[in-house]
Amino acid sequence: MPFFLLQTFLLHEKRCKLKETFLERYFELKKRKTDTRAEIIAGVVTFMTMAYIIFVNPNLLSKGG
């Protein structure tokens, strides 16, 4: 591989590493083999589940006696 191609490749890799967001660096998402999108979806699903439990659970408990 010619030197200028190797140098271009290394510079591109360096720029890609710099493009990591604060969240990716802080929570080490690459190390945990996940990404920001997956974590946001997981957070929304968890929030929706908790909201459902907050509204349904009192109704179930009141019917149970």
PDB file of N, CA and C in Angstrom:
ATOM      1  N   MET A   1       0.855  -1.175   0.000  1.00  0.00           N
ATOM      2  CA  MET A   1       0.000   0.000   0.000  1.00  0.00           C
ATOM      3  C   MET A   1       0.899   1.236   0.000  1.00  0.00           C
ATOM      4  N   PRO A   2       0.660   2.141  -0.946  1.00  0.00           N
ATOM      5  CA  PRO A   2       1.474   3.362  -0.972  1.00  0.00           C
ATOM      6  C   PRO A   2       1.296   4.179   0.313  1.00  0.00           C
ATOM      7  N   PHE A   3       2.332   4.929   0.629  1.00  0.00           N
ATOM      8  CA  PHE A   3       2.346   5.691   1.877  1.00  0.00           C
ATOM      9  C   PHE A   3       1.190   6.673   1.980  1.00  0.00           C
ATOM     10  N   PHE A   4       0.871   7.391   0.900  1.00  0.00           N
ATOM     11  CA  PHE A   4      -0.194   8.406   0.981  1.00  0.00           C
ATOM     12  C   PHE A   4      -1.557   7.768   1.232  1.00  0.00           C
ATOM     13  N   LEU A   5      -1.787   6.546   0.731  1.00  0.00           N
ATOM     14  CA  LEU A   5      -3.051   5.862   1.025  1.00  0.00           C
ATOM     15  C   LEU A   5      -3.113   5.455   2.492  1.00  0.00           C
ATOM     16  N   LEU A   6      -2.000   4.980   3.016  1.00  0.00           N
ATOM     17  CA  LEU A   6      -1.950   4.598   4.424  1.00  0.00           C
ATOM     18  C   LEU A   6      -2.183   5.819   5.307  1.00  0.00           C
ATOM     19  N   GLN A   7      -1.544   6.925   4.956  1.00  0.00           N
ATOM     20  CA  GLN A   7      -1.697   8.157   5.720  1.00  0.00           C
ATOM     21  C   GLN A   7      -3.148   8.646   5.656  1.00  0.00           C
ATOM     22  N   THR A   8      -3.786   8.585   4.499  1.00  0.00           N
ATOM     23  CA  THR A   8      -5.175   8.992   4.347  1.00  0.00           C
ATOM     24  C   THR A   8      -6.087   8.103   5.185  1.00  0.00           C
ATOM     25  N   PHE A   9      -5.820   6.810   5.168  1.00  0.00           N
ATOM     26  CA  PHE A   9      -6.616   5.869   5.961  1.00  0.00           C
ATOM     27  C   PHE A   9      -6.498   6.176   7.447  1.00  0.00           C
ATOM     28  N   LEU A  10      -5.284   6.425   7.923  1.00  0.00           N
ATOM     29  CA  LEU A  10      -5.072   6.711   9.338  1.00  0.00           C
ATOM     30  C   LEU A  10      -5.731   8.020   9.745  1.00  0.00           C
ATOM     31  N   LEU A  11      -5.680   9.030   8.883  1.00  0.00           N
ATOM     32  CA  LEU A  11      -6.340  10.297   9.183  1.00  0.00           C
ATOM     33  C   LEU A  11      -7.853  10.120   9.238  1.00  0.00           C
ATOM     34  N   HIS A  12      -8.386   9.321   8.330  1.00  0.00           N
ATOM     35  CA  HIS A  12      -9.826   9.067   8.330  1.00  0.00           C
ATOM     36  C   HIS A  12     -10.246   8.350   9.618  1.00  0.00           C
ATOM     37  N   GLU A  13      -9.464   7.375  10.050  1.00  0.00           N
ATOM     38  CA  GLU A  13      -9.756   6.666  11.302  1.00  0.00           C
ATOM     39  C   GLU A  13      -9.716   7.619  12.484  1.00  0.00           C
ATOM     40  N   LYS A  14      -8.755   8.518  12.474  1.00  0.00           N
ATOM     41  CA  LYS A  14      -8.612   9.477  13.564  1.00  0.00           C
ATOM     42  C   LYS A  14      -9.823  10.396  13.610  1.00  0.00           C
ATOM     43  N   ARG A  15     -10.282  10.866  12.445  1.00  0.00           N
ATOM     44  CA  ARG A  15     -11.467  11.738  12.394  1.00  0.00           C
ATOM     45  C   ARG A  15     -12.708  10.990  12.857  1.00  0.00           C
ATOM     46  N   CYS A  16     -12.835   9.731  12.494  1.00  0.00           N
ATOM     47  CA  CYS A  16     -13.999   8.942  12.905  1.00  0.00           C
ATOM     48  C   CYS A  16     -14.035   8.781  14.420  1.00  0.00           C
ATOM     49  N   LYS A  17     -12.882   8.619  15.032  1.00  0.00           N
ATOM     50  CA  LYS A  17     -12.835   8.500  16.485  1.00  0.00           C
ATOM     51  C   LYS A  17     -13.220   9.820  17.148  1.00  0.00           C
ATOM     52  N   LEU A  18     -12.890  10.926  16.515  1.00  0.00           N
ATOM     53  CA  LEU A  18     -13.225  12.231  17.081  1.00  0.00           C
ATOM     54  C   LEU A  18     -14.714  12.531  16.972  1.00  0.00           C
ATOM     55  N   LYS A  19     -15.431  11.841  16.079  1.00  0.00           N
ATOM     56  CA  LYS A  19     -16.838  12.110  15.876  1.00  0.00           C
ATOM     57  C   LYS A  19     -17.728  11.444  16.920  1.00  0.00           C
ATOM     58  N   GLU A  20     -17.152  10.715  17.862  1.00  0.00           N
ATOM     59  CA  GLU A  20     -17.953  10.102  18.901  1.00  0.00           C
ATOM     60  C   GLU A  20     -18.622  11.189  19.731  1.00  0.00           C
ATOM     61  N   THR A  21     -19.869  10.964  20.060  1.00  0.00           N
ATOM     62  CA  THR A  21     -20.593  11.944  20.850  1.00  0.00           C
ATOM     63  C   THR A  21     -20.196  11.839  22.314  1.00  0.00           C
ATOM     64  N   PHE A  22     -20.623  12.816  23.064  1.00  0.00           N
ATOM     65  CA  PHE A  22     -20.353  12.825  24.502  1.00  0.00           C
ATOM     66  C   PHE A  22     -20.917  11.562  25.154  1.00  0.00           C
ATOM     67  N   LEU A  23     -22.141  11.181  24.779  1.00  0.00           N
ATOM     68  CA  LEU A  23     -22.769   9.991  25.368  1.00  0.00           C
ATOM     69  C   LEU A  23     -21.979   8.730  25.054  1.00  0.00           C
ATOM     70  N   GLU A  24     -21.489   8.620  23.820  1.00  0.00           N
ATOM     71  CA  GLU A  24     -20.712   7.440  23.429  1.00  0.00           C
ATOM     72  C   GLU A  24     -19.421   7.347  24.234  1.00  0.00           C
ATOM     73  N   ARG A  25     -18.798   8.482  24.476  1.00  0.00           N
ATOM     74  CA  ARG A  25     -17.558   8.469  25.260  1.00  0.00           C
ATOM     75  C   ARG A  25     -17.846   8.237  26.740  1.00  0.00           C
ATOM     76  N   TYR A  26     -18.844   8.931  27.290  1.00  0.00           N
ATOM     77  CA  TYR A  26     -19.122   8.869  28.723  1.00  0.00           C
ATOM     78  C   TYR A  26     -19.571   7.472  29.153  1.00  0.00           C
ATOM     79  N   PHE A  27     -20.480   6.863  28.389  1.00  0.00           N
ATOM     80  CA  PHE A  27     -21.004   5.550  28.749  1.00  0.00           C
ATOM     81  C   PHE A  27     -20.258   4.394  28.079  1.00  0.00           C
ATOM     82  N   GLU A  28     -19.208   4.706  27.320  1.00  0.00           N
ATOM     83  CA  GLU A  28     -18.385   3.698  26.636  1.00  0.00           C
ATOM     84  C   GLU A  28     -19.249   2.725  25.838  1.00  0.00           C
ATOM     85  N   LEU A  29     -20.075   3.276  24.957  1.00  0.00           N
ATOM     86  CA  LEU A  29     -21.033   2.464  24.218  1.00  0.00           C
ATOM     87  C   LEU A  29     -20.359   1.490  23.260  1.00  0.00           C
ATOM     88  N   LYS A  30     -19.278   1.904  22.629  1.00  0.00           N
ATOM     89  CA  LYS A  30     -18.562   0.999  21.709  1.00  0.00           C
ATOM     90  C   LYS A  30     -18.020  -0.210  22.471  1.00  0.00           C
ATOM     91  N   LYS A  31     -17.489   0.029  23.644  1.00  0.00           N
ATOM     92  CA  LYS A  31     -16.940  -1.048  24.471  1.00  0.00           C
ATOM     93  C   LYS A  31     -18.031  -2.047  24.842  1.00  0.00           C
ATOM     94  N   ARG A  32     -19.252  -1.549  25.038  1.00  0.00           N
ATOM     95  CA  ARG A  32     -20.375  -2.402  25.417  1.00  0.00           C
ATOM     96  C   ARG A  32     -21.139  -2.934  24.203  1.00  0.00           C
ATOM     97  N   LYS A  33     -20.614  -2.666  23.018  1.00  0.00           N
ATOM     98  CA  LYS A  33     -21.183  -3.135  21.742  1.00  0.00           C
ATOM     99  C   LYS A  33     -22.634  -2.690  21.545  1.00  0.00           C
ATOM    100  N   THR A  34     -22.872  -1.403  21.757  1.00  0.00           N
ATOM    101  CA  THR A  34     -24.190  -0.819  21.525  1.00  0.00           C
ATOM    102  C   THR A  34     -23.997   0.570  20.935  1.00  0.00           C
ATOM    103  N   ASP A  35     -25.089   1.247  20.643  1.00  0.00           N
ATOM    104  CA  ASP A  35     -24.985   2.600  20.113  1.00  0.00           C
ATOM    105  C   ASP A  35     -26.060   3.481  20.739  1.00  0.00           C
ATOM    106  N   THR A  36     -25.990   4.764  20.442  1.00  0.00           N
ATOM    107  CA  THR A  36     -26.904   5.733  21.038  1.00  0.00           C
ATOM    108  C   THR A  36     -28.348   5.429  20.675  1.00  0.00           C
ATOM    109  N   ARG A  37     -28.599   5.058  19.441  1.00  0.00           N
ATOM    110  CA  ARG A  37     -29.964   4.776  18.986  1.00  0.00           C
ATOM    111  C   ARG A  37     -30.594   3.644  19.790  1.00  0.00           C
ATOM    112  N   ALA A  38     -29.867   2.563  19.979  1.00  0.00           N
ATOM    113  CA  ALA A  38     -30.386   1.418  20.730  1.00  0.00           C
ATOM    114  C   ALA A  38     -30.679   1.797  22.175  1.00  0.00           C
ATOM    115  N   GLU A  39     -29.821   2.608  22.759  1.00  0.00           N
ATOM    116  CA  GLU A  39     -30.018   3.008  24.151  1.00  0.00           C
ATOM    117  C   GLU A  39     -31.215   3.940  24.303  1.00  0.00           C
ATOM    118  N   ILE A  40     -31.426   4.816  23.323  1.00  0.00           N
ATOM    119  CA  ILE A  40     -32.592   5.708  23.378  1.00  0.00           C
ATOM    120  C   ILE A  40     -33.874   4.900  23.237  1.00  0.00           C
ATOM    121  N   ILE A  41     -33.891   3.948  22.322  1.00  0.00           N
ATOM    122  CA  ILE A  41     -35.072   3.087  22.157  1.00  0.00           C
ATOM    123  C   ILE A  41     -35.331   2.307  23.446  1.00  0.00           C
ATOM    124  N   ALA A  42     -34.301   1.779  24.054  1.00  0.00           N
ATOM    125  CA  ALA A  42     -34.455   1.035  25.307  1.00  0.00           C
ATOM    126  C   ALA A  42     -35.007   1.939  26.407  1.00  0.00           C
ATOM    127  N   GLY A  43     -34.552   3.168  26.463  1.00  0.00           N
ATOM    128  CA  GLY A  43     -35.052   4.119  27.457  1.00  0.00           C
ATOM    129  C   GLY A  43     -36.518   4.445  27.246  1.00  0.00           C
ATOM    130  N   VAL A  44     -36.929   4.637  25.996  1.00  0.00           N
ATOM    131  CA  VAL A  44     -38.331   4.934  25.694  1.00  0.00           C
ATOM    132  C   VAL A  44     -39.215   3.738  26.051  1.00  0.00           C
ATOM    133  N   VAL A  45     -38.780   2.543  25.714  1.00  0.00           N
ATOM    134  CA  VAL A  45     -39.555   1.337  26.039  1.00  0.00           C
ATOM    135  C   VAL A  45     -39.694   1.193  27.558  1.00  0.00           C
ATOM    136  N   THR A  46     -38.619   1.418  28.284  1.00  0.00           N
ATOM    137  CA  THR A  46     -38.672   1.333  29.743  1.00  0.00           C
ATOM    138  C   THR A  46     -39.628   2.379  30.308  1.00  0.00           C
ATOM    139  N   PHE A  47     -39.568   3.603  29.795  1.00  0.00           N
ATOM    140  CA  PHE A  47     -40.460   4.663  30.257  1.00  0.00           C
ATOM    141  C   PHE A  47     -41.919   4.303  29.996  1.00  0.00           C
ATOM    142  N   MET A  48     -42.209   3.799  28.799  1.00  0.00           N
ATOM    143  CA  MET A  48     -43.587   3.428  28.464  1.00  0.00           C
ATOM    144  C   MET A  48     -44.088   2.308  29.374  1.00  0.00           C
ATOM    145  N   THR A  49     -43.233   1.345  29.665  1.00  0.00           N
ATOM    146  CA  THR A  49     -43.611   0.243  30.557  1.00  0.00           C
ATOM    147  C   THR A  49     -43.916   0.761  31.954  1.00  0.00           C
ATOM    148  N   MET A  50     -43.078   1.627  32.472  1.00  0.00           N
ATOM    149  CA  MET A  50     -43.299   2.177  33.813  1.00  0.00           C
ATOM    150  C   MET A  50     -44.569   3.024  33.850  1.00  0.00           C
ATOM    151  N   ALA A  51     -44.817   3.803  32.816  1.00  0.00           N
ATOM    152  CA  ALA A  51     -46.031   4.611  32.760  1.00  0.00           C
ATOM    153  C   ALA A  51     -47.266   3.714  32.751  1.00  0.00           C
ATOM    154  N   TYR A  52     -47.220   2.631  32.035  1.00  0.00           N
ATOM    155  CA  TYR A  52     -48.325   1.673  31.985  1.00  0.00           C
ATOM    156  C   TYR A  52     -48.564   1.077  33.378  1.00  0.00           C
ATOM    157  N   ILE A  53     -47.504   0.682  34.050  1.00  0.00           N
ATOM    158  CA  ILE A  53     -47.626   0.082  35.380  1.00  0.00           C
ATOM    159  C   ILE A  53     -48.221   1.081  36.370  1.00  0.00           C
ATOM    160  N   ILE A  54     -47.793   2.339  36.294  1.00  0.00           N
ATOM    161  CA  ILE A  54     -48.303   3.356  37.222  1.00  0.00           C
ATOM    162  C   ILE A  54     -49.807   3.529  37.083  1.00  0.00           C
ATOM    163  N   PHE A  55     -50.349   3.446  35.879  1.00  0.00           N
ATOM    164  CA  PHE A  55     -51.783   3.653  35.678  1.00  0.00           C
ATOM    165  C   PHE A  55     -52.609   2.376  35.848  1.00  0.00           C
ATOM    166  N   VAL A  56     -52.059   1.227  35.552  1.00  0.00           N
ATOM    167  CA  VAL A  56     -52.823  -0.018  35.605  1.00  0.00           C
ATOM    168  C   VAL A  56     -52.762  -0.663  36.993  1.00  0.00           C
ATOM    169  N   ASN A  57     -51.636  -0.602  37.664  1.00  0.00           N
ATOM    170  CA  ASN A  57     -51.452  -1.287  38.939  1.00  0.00           C
ATOM    171  C   ASN A  57     -52.466  -0.860  40.020  1.00  0.00           C
ATOM    172  N   PRO A  58     -52.736   0.421  40.223  1.00  0.00           N
ATOM    173  CA  PRO A  58     -53.735   0.788  41.226  1.00  0.00           C
ATOM    174  C   PRO A  58     -55.112   0.194  40.934  1.00  0.00           C
ATOM    175  N   ASN A  59     -55.471   0.153  39.668  1.00  0.00           N
ATOM    176  CA  ASN A  59     -56.765  -0.418  39.278  1.00  0.00           C
ATOM    177  C   ASN A  59     -56.821  -1.913  39.612  1.00  0.00           C
ATOM    178  N   LEU A  60     -55.751  -2.625  39.345  1.00  0.00           N
ATOM    179  CA  LEU A  60     -55.711  -4.057  39.652  1.00  0.00           C
ATOM    180  C   LEU A  60     -55.755  -4.294  41.172  1.00  0.00           C
ATOM    181  N   LEU A  61     -55.040  -3.483  41.913  1.00  0.00           N
ATOM    182  CA  LEU A  61     -55.012  -3.651  43.360  1.00  0.00           C
ATOM    183  C   LEU A  61     -56.352  -3.332  43.997  1.00  0.00           C
ATOM    184  N   SER A  62     -57.063  -2.334  43.473  1.00  0.00           N
ATOM    185  CA  SER A  62     -58.374  -1.979  44.039  1.00  0.00           C
ATOM    186  C   SER A  62     -59.401  -3.086  43.788  1.00  0.00           C
ATOM    187  N   LYS A  63     -59.299  -3.792  42.670  1.00  0.00           N
ATOM    188  CA  LYS A  63     -60.224  -4.884  42.375  1.00  0.00           C
ATOM    189  C   LYS A  63     -59.895  -6.133  43.192  1.00  0.00           C
ATOM    190  N   GLY A  64     -58.661  -6.259  43.620  1.00  0.00           N
ATOM    191  CA  GLY A  64     -58.246  -7.451  44.364  1.00  0.00           C
ATOM    192  C   GLY A  64     -58.647  -7.412  45.833  1.00  0.00           C
ATOM    193  N   GLY A  65     -58.946  -6.264  46.333  1.00  0.00           N
ATOM    194  CA  GLY A  65     -59.441  -6.196  47.702  1.00  0.00           C
ATOM    195  C   GLY A  65     -58.413  -5.720  48.616  1.00  0.00           C
TER     196      GLY A  65
END
